[in-house]
Amino acid sequence: MGLLGHVVGGAVFGLTARFWQLGILRQPMTQNPAGHVACTVAFAGAGYYWWQATVYMKGVLAEKETELRRRRQALDAIAMEIAVNGTPAELPPMPQMPQKS
């Protein structure tokens, strides 16, 4: 779902939440239209933020997938070399663990 879908979905959800709130309070739906606008805009902003987070996480996952595929290819090459020669020529460097502060 693209940016427009996230923003419109958030706006519709906000408007629905506002109508639900007024229904629970048994208030007329036309009461305080500025509240309708505020809820719609706030939830549209939340939808935009959600879209940004989704795009960011897709990028992070793509980077992780690339790194894992690269490591897997290196390990497959070593396994093939062990199968052919009996010993590997050299082992790849181990990744460093982050230091706790």
Protein backbone atom coordinates (compact mmCIF):
# COMPACT_ATOMS: atom_id res chain seq x y z
CA MET A 1 0.00 0.00 0.00
CA GLY A 2 1.41 3.36 -0.99
CA LEU A 3 1.59 6.72 0.67
CA LEU A 4 -1.90 7.75 -0.41
CA GLY A 5 -3.41 4.57 0.98
CA HIS A 6 -1.75 5.04 4.36
CA VAL A 7 -2.76 8.69 4.65
CA VAL A 8 -6.35 8.18 3.47
CA GLY A 9 -6.70 5.06 5.61
CA GLY A 10 -5.51 6.97 8.67
CA ALA A 11 -7.87 9.86 7.92
CA VAL A 12 -10.87 7.55 7.51
CA PHE A 13 -9.95 5.75 10.72
CA GLY A 14 -9.70 9.09 12.56
CA LEU A 15 -13.08 10.25 11.30
CA THR A 16 -14.61 6.90 12.21
CA ALA A 17 -13.11 7.10 15.70
CA ARG A 18 -14.58 10.59 16.11
CA PHE A 19 -18.04 9.43 15.05
CA TRP A 20 -17.77 6.44 17.37
CA GLN A 21 -16.80 8.74 20.24
CA LEU A 22 -19.82 10.95 19.62
CA GLY A 23 -22.04 7.88 19.35
CA ILE A 24 -20.85 6.58 22.72
CA LEU A 25 -21.50 10.00 24.25
CA ARG A 26 -24.89 10.14 22.46
CA GLN A 27 -24.05 13.53 20.99
CA PRO A 28 -25.20 14.74 17.57
CA MET A 29 -22.73 13.90 14.78
CA THR A 30 -22.71 17.51 13.60
CA GLN A 31 -21.51 18.81 16.96
CA ASN A 32 -18.14 20.61 16.83
CA PRO A 33 -16.98 20.01 13.24
CA ALA A 34 -13.51 21.25 14.21
CA GLY A 35 -13.17 18.06 16.24
CA HIS A 36 -13.86 16.04 13.09
CA VAL A 37 -11.15 17.92 11.24
CA ALA A 38 -8.69 17.56 14.12
CA CYS A 39 -9.19 13.79 14.37
CA THR A 40 -9.00 13.35 10.62
CA VAL A 41 -5.78 15.36 10.31
CA ALA A 42 -4.18 13.73 13.35
CA PHE A 43 -4.82 10.22 12.11
CA ALA A 44 -3.77 11.14 8.56
CA GLY A 45 -0.46 12.29 10.09
CA ALA A 46 -0.22 8.97 11.92
CA GLY A 47 -0.80 7.20 8.60
CA TYR A 48 2.00 9.21 7.01
CA TYR A 49 4.33 8.33 9.90
CA TRP A 50 3.37 4.66 9.53
CA TRP A 51 4.21 4.79 5.82
CA GLN A 52 7.64 6.34 6.58
CA ALA A 53 8.33 3.61 9.14
CA THR A 54 7.31 0.92 6.65
CA VAL A 55 9.62 2.29 3.95
CA TYR A 56 12.51 2.53 6.42
CA MET A 57 12.03 -1.01 7.69
CA LYS A 58 11.87 -2.41 4.15
CA GLY A 59 15.24 -0.78 3.50
CA VAL A 60 16.74 -2.21 6.68
CA LEU A 61 15.43 -5.68 5.86
CA ALA A 62 16.83 -5.48 2.32
CA GLU A 63 20.27 -4.56 3.70
CA LYS A 64 20.14 -7.44 6.19
CA GLU A 65 19.06 -9.87 3.46
CA THR A 66 21.96 -8.77 1.24
CA GLU A 67 24.43 -9.22 4.09
CA LEU A 68 23.06 -12.67 4.95
CA ARG A 69 23.20 -13.78 1.32
CA ARG A 70 26.82 -12.59 1.07
CA ARG A 71 27.76 -14.51 4.22
CA ARG A 72 25.93 -17.61 3.00
CA GLN A 73 27.83 -17.54 -0.31
CA ALA A 74 31.14 -17.27 1.55
CA LEU A 75 30.25 -20.20 3.81
CA ASP A 76 29.06 -22.27 0.85
CA ALA A 77 32.38 -21.63 -0.91
CA ILE A 78 34.27 -22.76 2.19
CA ALA A 79 32.10 -25.87 2.51
CA MET A 80 32.75 -26.72 -1.14
CA GLU A 81 36.49 -26.21 -0.65
CA ILE A 82 36.45 -28.48 2.40
CA ALA A 83 34.53 -31.11 0.44
CA VAL A 84 37.06 -30.98 -2.41
CA ASN A 85 40.38 -30.41 -0.58
CA GLY A 86 39.63 -31.59 2.94
CA THR A 87 40.65 -28.24 4.49
CA PRO A 88 39.81 -24.62 3.75
CA ALA A 89 42.52 -22.30 2.41
CA GLU A 90 41.46 -19.54 4.79
CA LEU A 91 38.48 -18.77 6.98
CA PRO A 92 36.49 -15.57 6.54
CA PRO A 93 36.84 -12.99 9.32
CA MET A 94 34.27 -13.30 12.08
CA PRO A 95 31.94 -10.31 12.49
CA GLN A 96 32.66 -8.21 15.56
CA MET A 97 30.05 -8.08 18.29
CA PRO A 98 28.99 -4.59 19.39
CA GLN A 99 30.58 -3.52 22.65
CA LYS A 100 28.31 -2.75 25.59
CA SER A 101 28.87 0.65 27.08
